[in-house]
PDB file of all heavy atoms in Angstrom:
ATOM      1  N   PRO A   1      65.096  -8.054  41.087  1.00  0.00           N
ATOM      2  CA  PRO A   1      65.546  -7.353  42.275  1.00  0.00           C
ATOM      3  C   PRO A   1      64.586  -7.485  43.431  1.00  0.00           C
ATOM      4  O   PRO A   1      63.408  -7.809  43.245  1.00  0.00           O
ATOM      5  CB  PRO A   1      65.586  -5.869  41.797  1.00  0.00           C
ATOM      6  CG  PRO A   1      64.598  -5.806  40.639  1.00  0.00           C
ATOM      7  CD  PRO A   1      64.682  -7.157  39.986  1.00  0.00           C
ATOM      8  N   GLY A   2      65.096  -7.320  44.658  1.00  0.00           N
ATOM      9  CA  GLY A   2      64.204  -7.214  45.795  1.00  0.00           C
ATOM     10  C   GLY A   2      63.364  -5.957  45.698  1.00  0.00           C
ATOM     11  O   GLY A   2      63.778  -5.004  45.046  1.00  0.00           O
ATOM     12  N   VAL A   3      62.182  -5.981  46.346  1.00  0.00           N
ATOM     13  CA  VAL A   3      61.308  -4.839  46.299  1.00  0.00           C
ATOM     14  C   VAL A   3      60.766  -4.549  47.724  1.00  0.00           C
ATOM     15  O   VAL A   3      60.329  -5.496  48.370  1.00  0.00           O
ATOM     16  CB  VAL A   3      60.123  -5.075  45.322  1.00  0.00           C
ATOM     17  CG1 VAL A   3      59.131  -3.939  45.381  1.00  0.00           C
ATOM     18  CG2 VAL A   3      60.595  -5.273  43.909  1.00  0.00           C
ATOM     19  N   THR A   4      60.819  -3.320  48.096  1.00  0.00           N
ATOM     20  CA  THR A   4      60.248  -2.895  49.390  1.00  0.00           C
ATOM     21  C   THR A   4      59.362  -1.672  49.174  1.00  0.00           C
ATOM     22  O   THR A   4      59.757  -0.733  48.560  1.00  0.00           O
ATOM     23  CB  THR A   4      61.357  -2.549  50.404  1.00  0.00           C
ATOM     24  OG1 THR A   4      62.170  -3.668  50.666  1.00  0.00           O
ATOM     25  CG2 THR A   4      60.738  -2.060  51.714  1.00  0.00           C
ATOM     26  N   VAL A   5      58.101  -1.794  49.639  1.00  0.00           N
ATOM     27  CA  VAL A   5      57.185  -0.670  49.628  1.00  0.00           C
ATOM     28  C   VAL A   5      57.389   0.142  50.907  1.00  0.00           C
ATOM     29  O   VAL A   5      57.332  -0.449  51.990  1.00  0.00           O
ATOM     30  CB  VAL A   5      55.711  -1.157  49.483  1.00  0.00           C
ATOM     31  CG1 VAL A   5      54.752  -0.051  49.796  1.00  0.00           C
ATOM     32  CG2 VAL A   5      55.501  -1.766  48.117  1.00  0.00           C
ATOM     33  N   LEU A   6      57.574   1.404  50.794  1.00  0.00           N
ATOM     34  CA  LEU A   6      57.811   2.326  51.956  1.00  0.00           C
ATOM     35  C   LEU A   6      56.495   3.029  52.218  1.00  0.00           C
ATOM     36  O   LEU A   6      56.107   3.915  51.411  1.00  0.00           O
ATOM     37  CB  LEU A   6      58.935   3.298  51.649  1.00  0.00           C
ATOM     38  CG  LEU A   6      60.263   2.683  51.237  1.00  0.00           C
ATOM     39  CD1 LEU A   6      61.255   3.779  50.893  1.00  0.00           C
ATOM     40  CD2 LEU A   6      60.826   1.761  52.336  1.00  0.00           C
ATOM     41  N   ARG A   7      55.877   2.745  53.309  1.00  0.00           N
ATOM     42  CA  ARG A   7      54.692   3.488  53.737  1.00  0.00           C
ATOM     43  C   ARG A   7      55.131   4.676  54.581  1.00  0.00           C
ATOM     44  O   ARG A   7      55.386   4.535  55.793  1.00  0.00           O
ATOM     45  CB  ARG A   7      53.710   2.578  54.481  1.00  0.00           C
ATOM     46  CG  ARG A   7      53.096   1.525  53.540  1.00  0.00           C
ATOM     47  CD  ARG A   7      52.201   0.578  54.292  1.00  0.00           C
ATOM     48  NE  ARG A   7      51.472  -0.353  53.333  1.00  0.00           N
ATOM     49  CZ  ARG A   7      50.785  -1.370  53.712  1.00  0.00           C
ATOM     50  NH1 ARG A   7      50.655  -1.678  54.992  1.00  0.00           N
ATOM     51  NH2 ARG A   7      50.204  -2.178  52.799  1.00  0.00           N
ATOM     52  N   ILE A   8      55.228   5.800  53.939  1.00  0.00           N
ATOM     53  CA  ILE A   8      55.866   6.991  54.524  1.00  0.00           C
ATOM     54  C   ILE A   8      54.838   7.837  55.257  1.00  0.00           C
ATOM     55  O   ILE A   8      53.766   8.093  54.744  1.00  0.00           O
ATOM     56  CB  ILE A   8      56.564   7.811  53.430  1.00  0.00           C
ATOM     57  CG1 ILE A   8      57.604   6.953  52.718  1.00  0.00           C
ATOM     58  CG2 ILE A   8      57.243   9.068  54.018  1.00  0.00           C
ATOM     59  CD1 ILE A   8      58.170   7.605  51.441  1.00  0.00           C
ATOM     60  N   GLY A   9      55.186   8.209  56.505  1.00  0.00           N
ATOM     61  CA  GLY A   9      54.315   9.140  57.244  1.00  0.00           C
ATOM     62  C   GLY A   9      54.535  10.590  56.759  1.00  0.00           C
ATOM     63  O   GLY A   9      54.734  10.794  55.586  1.00  0.00           O
ATOM     64  N   ASN A  10      54.537  11.504  57.690  1.00  0.00           N
ATOM     65  CA  ASN A  10      54.727  12.927  57.359  1.00  0.00           C
ATOM     66  C   ASN A  10      56.200  13.353  57.442  1.00  0.00           C
ATOM     67  O   ASN A  10      56.798  13.125  58.528  1.00  0.00           O
ATOM     68  CB  ASN A  10      53.872  13.790  58.271  1.00  0.00           C
ATOM     69  CG  ASN A  10      52.377  13.586  58.102  1.00  0.00           C
ATOM     70  OD1 ASN A  10      51.801  14.065  57.113  1.00  0.00           O
ATOM     71  ND2 ASN A  10      51.770  12.862  58.961  1.00  0.00           N
ATOM     72  N   VAL A  11      56.722  13.848  56.427  1.00  0.00           N
ATOM     73  CA  VAL A  11      58.085  14.418  56.469  1.00  0.00           C
ATOM     74  C   VAL A  11      57.942  15.904  56.646  1.00  0.00           C
ATOM     75  O   VAL A  11      57.313  16.605  55.824  1.00  0.00           O
ATOM     76  CB  VAL A  11      58.860  14.091  55.117  1.00  0.00           C
ATOM     77  CG1 VAL A  11      60.239  14.724  55.158  1.00  0.00           C
ATOM     78  CG2 VAL A  11      58.940  12.590  54.940  1.00  0.00           C
ATOM     79  N   LEU A  12      58.491  16.448  57.715  1.00  0.00           N
ATOM     80  CA  LEU A  12      58.254  17.821  58.074  1.00  0.00           C
ATOM     81  C   LEU A  12      58.739  18.757  56.946  1.00  0.00           C
ATOM     82  O   LEU A  12      59.878  18.605  56.475  1.00  0.00           O
ATOM     83  CB  LEU A  12      58.993  18.191  59.372  1.00  0.00           C
ATOM     84  CG  LEU A  12      58.540  19.507  59.990  1.00  0.00           C
ATOM     85  CD1 LEU A  12      57.246  19.333  60.768  1.00  0.00           C
ATOM     86  CD2 LEU A  12      59.582  20.122  60.852  1.00  0.00           C
ATOM     87  N   GLY A  13      57.898  19.676  56.551  1.00  0.00           N
ATOM     88  CA  GLY A  13      58.237  20.603  55.491  1.00  0.00           C
ATOM     89  C   GLY A  13      57.648  20.160  54.168  1.00  0.00           C
ATOM     90  O   GLY A  13      57.465  21.004  53.291  1.00  0.00           O
ATOM     91  N   CYS A  14      57.436  18.850  54.024  1.00  0.00           N
ATOM     92  CA  CYS A  14      56.791  18.310  52.800  1.00  0.00           C
ATOM     93  C   CYS A  14      55.320  18.066  53.026  1.00  0.00           C
ATOM     94  O   CYS A  14      54.632  17.619  52.076  1.00  0.00           O
ATOM     95  CB  CYS A  14      57.499  17.018  52.360  1.00  0.00           C
ATOM     96  SG  CYS A  14      59.260  17.174  52.039  1.00  0.00           S
ATOM     97  N   ASP A  15      54.863  18.279  54.228  1.00  0.00           N
ATOM     98  CA  ASP A  15      53.479  18.031  54.570  1.00  0.00           C
ATOM     99  C   ASP A  15      52.593  19.249  54.401  1.00  0.00           C
ATOM    100  O   ASP A  15      53.108  20.364  54.233  1.00  0.00           O
ATOM    101  CB  ASP A  15      53.436  17.591  56.050  1.00  0.00           C
ATOM    102  CG  ASP A  15      53.944  18.663  56.997  1.00  0.00           C
ATOM    103  OD1 ASP A  15      55.073  19.149  56.763  1.00  0.00           O
ATOM    104  OD2 ASP A  15      53.256  19.067  57.902  1.00  0.00           O
ATOM    105  N   SER A  16      51.308  19.063  54.478  1.00  0.00           N
ATOM    106  CA  SER A  16      50.400  20.149  54.238  1.00  0.00           C
ATOM    107  C   SER A  16      50.372  21.150  55.400  1.00  0.00           C
ATOM    108  O   SER A  16      50.051  22.320  55.190  1.00  0.00           O
ATOM    109  CB  SER A  16      48.970  19.601  53.992  1.00  0.00           C
ATOM    110  OG  SER A  16      48.521  18.857  55.061  1.00  0.00           O
ATOM    111  N   LEU A  17      50.697  20.686  56.579  1.00  0.00           N
ATOM    112  CA  LEU A  17      50.710  21.598  57.735  1.00  0.00           C
ATOM    113  C   LEU A  17      51.875  22.539  57.721  1.00  0.00           C
ATOM    114  O   LEU A  17      51.710  23.766  57.526  1.00  0.00           O
ATOM    115  CB  LEU A  17      50.736  20.802  59.042  1.00  0.00           C
ATOM    116  CG  LEU A  17      50.768  21.671  60.341  1.00  0.00           C
ATOM    117  CD1 LEU A  17      49.439  22.281  60.580  1.00  0.00           C
ATOM    118  CD2 LEU A  17      51.192  20.789  61.553  1.00  0.00           C
ATOM    119  N   MET A  18      53.098  22.005  57.850  1.00  0.00           N
ATOM    120  CA  MET A  18      54.239  22.927  57.931  1.00  0.00           C
ATOM    121  C   MET A  18      54.570  23.538  56.630  1.00  0.00           C
ATOM    122  O   MET A  18      55.098  24.658  56.544  1.00  0.00           O
ATOM    123  CB  MET A  18      55.449  22.115  58.418  1.00  0.00           C
ATOM    124  CG  MET A  18      56.552  22.939  59.041  1.00  0.00           C
ATOM    125  SD  MET A  18      55.971  23.926  60.481  1.00  0.00           S
ATOM    126  CE  MET A  18      55.308  22.668  61.561  1.00  0.00           C
ATOM    127  N   GLY A  19      54.147  22.890  55.524  1.00  0.00           N
ATOM    128  CA  GLY A  19      54.377  23.522  54.207  1.00  0.00           C
ATOM    129  C   GLY A  19      53.495  24.730  53.968  1.00  0.00           C
ATOM    130  O   GLY A  19      53.761  25.477  53.034  1.00  0.00           O
ATOM    131  N   SER A  20      52.522  24.926  54.820  1.00  0.00           N
ATOM    132  CA  SER A  20      51.620  26.071  54.707  1.00  0.00           C
ATOM    133  C   SER A  20      51.981  27.254  55.621  1.00  0.00           C
ATOM    134  O   SER A  20      51.336  28.290  55.578  1.00  0.00           O
ATOM    135  CB  SER A  20      50.165  25.649  54.992  1.00  0.00           C
ATOM    136  OG  SER A  20      49.735  24.645  54.084  1.00  0.00           O
ATOM    137  N   VAL A  21      52.996  27.045  56.508  1.00  0.00           N
ATOM    138  CA  VAL A  21      53.368  28.097  57.438  1.00  0.00           C
ATOM    139  C   VAL A  21      53.991  29.246  56.709  1.00  0.00           C
ATOM    140  O   VAL A  21      54.970  29.082  55.964  1.00  0.00           O
ATOM    141  CB  VAL A  21      54.291  27.523  58.528  1.00  0.00           C
ATOM    142  CG1 VAL A  21      54.866  28.681  59.362  1.00  0.00           C
ATOM    143  CG2 VAL A  21      53.552  26.529  59.388  1.00  0.00           C
ATOM    144  N   ARG A  22      53.461  30.440  56.904  1.00  0.00           N
ATOM    145  CA  ARG A  22      54.040  31.663  56.326  1.00  0.00           C
ATOM    146  C   ARG A  22      54.169  32.725  57.389  1.00  0.00           C
ATOM    147  O   ARG A  22      53.259  32.880  58.263  1.00  0.00           O
ATOM    148  CB  ARG A  22      53.105  32.191  55.228  1.00  0.00           C
ATOM    149  CG  ARG A  22      52.856  31.223  54.073  1.00  0.00           C
ATOM    150  CD  ARG A  22      54.085  31.060  53.199  1.00  0.00           C
ATOM    151  NE  ARG A  22      53.804  30.210  52.058  1.00  0.00           N
ATOM    152  CZ  ARG A  22      53.897  28.910  52.050  1.00  0.00           C
ATOM    153  NH1 ARG A  22      54.279  28.293  53.179  1.00  0.00           N
ATOM    154  NH2 ARG A  22      53.622  28.195  50.989  1.00  0.00           N
ATOM    155  N   PRO A  23      55.236  33.452  57.473  1.00  0.00           N
ATOM    156  CA  PRO A  23      55.427  34.522  58.475  1.00  0.00           C
ATOM    157  C   PRO A  23      54.270  35.463  58.454  1.00  0.00           C
ATOM    158  O   PRO A  23      53.877  35.974  57.405  1.00  0.00           O
ATOM    159  CB  PRO A  23      56.733  35.162  58.073  1.00  0.00           C
ATOM    160  CG  PRO A  23      57.508  34.148  57.295  1.00  0.00           C
ATOM    161  CD  PRO A  23      56.449  33.365  56.555  1.00  0.00           C
ATOM    162  N   GLY A  24      53.742  35.759  59.641  1.00  0.00           N
ATOM    163  CA  GLY A  24      52.674  36.710  59.729  1.00  0.00           C
ATOM    164  C   GLY A  24      51.295  36.240  59.301  1.00  0.00           C
ATOM    165  O   GLY A  24      50.310  37.025  59.361  1.00  0.00           O
ATOM    166  N   GLU A  25      51.160  34.986  58.917  1.00  0.00           N
ATOM    167  CA  GLU A  25      49.874  34.448  58.492  1.00  0.00           C
ATOM    168  C   GLU A  25      49.432  33.394  59.516  1.00  0.00           C
ATOM    169  O   GLU A  25      50.038  32.291  59.566  1.00  0.00           O
ATOM    170  CB  GLU A  25      49.947  33.797  57.094  1.00  0.00           C
ATOM    171  CG  GLU A  25      50.296  34.788  55.969  1.00  0.00           C
ATOM    172  CD  GLU A  25      50.302  34.138  54.607  1.00  0.00           C
ATOM    173  OE1 GLU A  25      49.815  32.968  54.509  1.00  0.00           O
ATOM    174  OE2 GLU A  25      50.803  34.729  53.659  1.00  0.00           O
ATOM    175  N   PRO A  26      48.448  33.690  60.359  1.00  0.00           N
ATOM    176  CA  PRO A  26      48.012  32.762  61.331  1.00  0.00           C
ATOM    177  C   PRO A  26      47.503  31.460  60.753  1.00  0.00           C
ATOM    178  O   PRO A  26      46.869  31.445  59.676  1.00  0.00           O
ATOM    179  CB  PRO A  26      46.877  33.465  62.096  1.00  0.00           C
ATOM    180  CG  PRO A  26      47.111  34.939  61.776  1.00  0.00           C
ATOM    181  CD  PRO A  26      47.723  34.977  60.398  1.00  0.00           C
ATOM    182  N   MET A  27      47.852  30.319  61.380  1.00  0.00           N
ATOM    183  CA  MET A  27      47.375  29.015  60.955  1.00  0.00           C
ATOM    184  C   MET A  27      46.158  28.623  61.732  1.00  0.00           C
ATOM    185  O   MET A  27      45.965  28.930  62.915  1.00  0.00           O
ATOM    186  CB  MET A  27      48.515  27.972  61.225  1.00  0.00           C
ATOM    187  CG  MET A  27      49.741  28.229  60.367  1.00  0.00           C
ATOM    188  SD  MET A  27      49.489  27.735  58.648  1.00  0.00           S
ATOM    189  CE  MET A  27      49.230  25.978  58.827  1.00  0.00           C
ATOM    190  N   ILE A  28      45.253  27.926  61.072  1.00  0.00           N
ATOM    191  CA  ILE A  28      44.032  27.396  61.696  1.00  0.00           C
ATOM    192  C   ILE A  28      44.190  25.897  61.813  1.00  0.00           C
ATOM    193  O   ILE A  28      44.416  25.187  60.841  1.00  0.00           O
ATOM    194  CB  ILE A  28      42.778  27.752  60.854  1.00  0.00           C
ATOM    195  CG1 ILE A  28      42.683  29.269  60.645  1.00  0.00           C
ATOM    196  CG2 ILE A  28      41.537  27.202  61.523  1.00  0.00           C
ATOM    197  CD1 ILE A  28      42.555  30.057  61.943  1.00  0.00           C
ATOM    198  N   LEU A  29      44.064  25.402  63.059  1.00  0.00           N
ATOM    199  CA  LEU A  29      44.224  23.993  63.339  1.00  0.00           C
ATOM    200  C   LEU A  29      42.862  23.371  63.652  1.00  0.00           C
ATOM    201  O   LEU A  29      42.112  23.918  64.494  1.00  0.00           O
ATOM    202  CB  LEU A  29      45.195  23.809  64.503  1.00  0.00           C
ATOM    203  CG  LEU A  29      45.623  22.378  64.839  1.00  0.00           C
ATOM    204  CD1 LEU A  29      46.391  21.727  63.674  1.00  0.00           C
ATOM    205  CD2 LEU A  29      46.493  22.359  66.087  1.00  0.00           C
ATOM    206  N   THR A  30      42.587  22.231  63.067  1.00  0.00           N
ATOM    207  CA  THR A  30      41.333  21.559  63.338  1.00  0.00           C
ATOM    208  C   THR A  30      41.419  20.934  64.710  1.00  0.00           C
ATOM    209  O   THR A  30      42.362  20.193  65.058  1.00  0.00           O
ATOM    210  CB  THR A  30      41.102  20.415  62.335  1.00  0.00           C
ATOM    211  OG1 THR A  30      41.020  20.980  61.039  1.00  0.00           O
ATOM    212  CG2 THR A  30      39.791  19.708  62.608  1.00  0.00           C
ATOM    213  N   PRO A  31      40.462  21.200  65.609  1.00  0.00           N
ATOM    214  CA  PRO A  31      40.513  20.632  66.965  1.00  0.00           C
ATOM    215  C   PRO A  31      40.051  19.191  67.012  1.00  0.00           C
ATOM    216  O   PRO A  31      39.335  18.756  66.093  1.00  0.00           O
ATOM    217  CB  PRO A  31      39.525  21.560  67.738  1.00  0.00           C
ATOM    218  CG  PRO A  31      38.517  21.972  66.694  1.00  0.00           C
ATOM    219  CD  PRO A  31      39.322  22.113  65.415  1.00  0.00           C
TER     220      PRO A  31
END
């Protein structure tokens, strides 16, 4: 079969940033 490697970036909601968002819990962003 043909083969393709997918170099995937960030999928929103599956990433460490948005996946950590919780109501009422402030997020800390690295400047």
